[in-house]
Protein backbone atom coordinates (compact mmCIF):
# COMPACT_ATOMS: atom_id res chain seq x y z
CA UNK A 1 0.80 -43.46 -2.33
CA UNK A 2 1.22 -47.17 -1.78
CA UNK A 3 4.05 -48.09 0.62
CA UNK A 4 6.08 -51.17 -0.31
CA UNK A 5 9.05 -53.27 0.71
CA UNK A 6 11.18 -54.94 -1.95
CA UNK A 7 13.23 -58.05 -1.24
CA UNK A 8 15.96 -58.82 -3.77
CA UNK A 9 18.14 -61.86 -4.32
CA UNK A 10 21.49 -60.97 -2.75
CA UNK A 11 23.38 -63.57 -4.79
CA UNK A 12 22.10 -62.11 -8.07
CA UNK A 13 22.71 -58.53 -7.03
CA UNK A 14 26.20 -59.20 -5.66
CA UNK A 15 27.29 -61.37 -8.59
CA UNK A 16 25.89 -59.19 -11.37
CA UNK A 17 23.79 -61.89 -13.05
CA UNK A 18 22.17 -59.34 -15.34
CA UNK A 19 20.96 -57.35 -12.32
CA UNK A 20 23.31 -54.60 -11.20
CA UNK A 21 21.27 -54.13 -8.06
CA UNK A 22 18.01 -52.60 -7.15
CA UNK A 23 17.71 -49.86 -9.80
CA UNK A 24 15.23 -51.80 -11.98
CA UNK A 25 12.97 -52.56 -9.03
CA UNK A 26 13.13 -48.96 -7.83
CA UNK A 27 12.35 -47.65 -11.32
CA UNK A 28 9.32 -49.93 -11.66
CA UNK A 29 8.04 -48.90 -8.22
CA UNK A 30 8.52 -45.18 -8.89
CA UNK A 31 6.76 -45.33 -12.26
CA UNK A 32 4.08 -47.85 -11.31
CA UNK A 33 5.28 -50.28 -13.97
CA UNK A 34 5.65 -54.05 -14.05
CA UNK A 35 3.97 -55.66 -11.06
CA UNK A 36 3.30 -52.28 -9.43
CA UNK A 37 -0.25 -51.13 -10.12
CA UNK A 38 0.57 -47.52 -9.19
CA UNK A 39 3.63 -45.42 -8.36
CA UNK A 40 4.81 -46.63 -4.98
CA UNK A 41 7.03 -45.43 -2.16
CA UNK A 42 9.74 -47.97 -1.29
CA UNK A 43 10.09 -47.86 2.49
CA UNK A 44 12.68 -50.65 2.67
CA UNK A 45 14.88 -52.68 0.35
CA UNK A 46 16.09 -55.97 1.82
CA UNK A 47 18.62 -58.40 0.33
CA UNK A 48 17.81 -62.06 0.79
CA UNK A 49 21.05 -63.70 1.86
CA UNK A 50 21.82 -67.37 1.26
CA UNK A 51 20.57 -69.71 2.63
CA UNK A 52 17.42 -67.62 3.06
CA UNK A 53 17.03 -68.09 6.81
CA UNK A 54 17.33 -64.36 7.43
CA UNK A 55 14.62 -63.22 5.01
CA UNK A 56 11.94 -62.94 7.74
CA UNK A 57 14.08 -61.45 10.54
CA UNK A 58 15.82 -58.99 8.19
CA UNK A 59 12.47 -57.88 6.80
CA UNK A 60 11.16 -57.54 10.36
CA UNK A 61 14.12 -55.35 11.31
CA UNK A 62 13.64 -53.18 8.21
CA UNK A 63 9.96 -52.69 9.09
CA UNK A 64 10.81 -51.89 12.70
CA UNK A 65 13.44 -49.34 11.72
CA UNK A 66 11.27 -47.70 9.05
CA UNK A 67 8.37 -47.44 11.52
CA UNK A 68 6.00 -47.66 8.53
CA UNK A 69 3.69 -50.61 7.85
CA UNK A 70 3.85 -51.51 4.16
CA UNK A 71 0.82 -52.12 1.97
CA UNK A 72 2.68 -54.93 0.19
CA UNK A 73 5.98 -56.79 0.06
CA UNK A 74 7.45 -57.50 -3.38
CA UNK A 75 9.88 -60.32 -4.06
CA UNK A 76 12.12 -58.99 -6.82
CA UNK A 77 12.04 -60.40 -10.32
CA UNK A 78 15.61 -61.69 -9.85
CA UNK A 79 14.55 -63.62 -6.77
CA UNK A 80 11.36 -65.00 -8.35
CA UNK A 81 12.87 -65.83 -11.76
CA UNK A 82 16.36 -66.94 -10.70
CA UNK A 83 18.13 -69.36 -13.03
CA UNK A 84 19.37 -71.60 -11.59
CA UNK A 85 16.58 -71.62 -9.00
CA UNK A 86 17.38 -70.89 -5.37
CA UNK A 87 18.50 -74.16 -3.76
CA UNK A 88 17.22 -73.04 -0.35
CA UNK A 89 13.56 -72.32 -1.06
CA UNK A 90 11.07 -71.21 -3.66
CA UNK A 91 9.65 -67.72 -4.02
CA UNK A 92 6.28 -69.17 -3.10
CA UNK A 93 7.70 -70.61 0.14
CA UNK A 94 9.34 -67.29 1.03
CA UNK A 95 6.09 -65.44 0.22
CA UNK A 96 4.10 -67.72 2.51
CA UNK A 97 6.54 -67.19 5.40
CA UNK A 98 6.44 -63.42 4.97
CA UNK A 99 2.65 -63.23 4.65
CA UNK A 100 2.17 -65.37 7.76
CA UNK A 101 4.64 -63.32 9.81
CA UNK A 102 3.66 -59.80 8.77
CA UNK A 103 0.06 -60.10 7.55
CA UNK A 104 0.93 -58.17 4.40
CA UNK A 105 0.33 -59.44 0.85
CA UNK A 106 3.45 -60.60 -0.98
CA UNK A 107 3.68 -60.07 -4.74
CA UNK A 108 5.94 -62.30 -6.83
CA UNK A 109 8.09 -60.16 -9.12
CA UNK A 110 8.67 -56.46 -9.59
CA UNK A 111 9.37 -55.69 -13.25
CA UNK A 112 9.75 -57.15 -16.73
CA UNK A 113 12.70 -55.04 -17.88
CA UNK A 114 15.52 -56.81 -19.74
């Protein structure tokens, strides 16, 4: 089974902007739906906290504590499709930072549920 990390937008999750939290991402991962090409085991779920400076160190700590190297890192649909957009960085910028640091592919989005 594919091992994945999901990074969600903390502002969206905490403020309830149509996303009550990680349940949609976890459902998509478990069922292999949306951006997941197969059912996947979520080894860590990280909240991106404004202004985004902690996305790499928090992900690093989650990987260290899980002691499992992921096959992929997914930026949640709420982080990728945020409206208004994140004022601190784009999903593409965050993906590049994460890929460079951890050498793991980063997928933009998790699900297409409404």
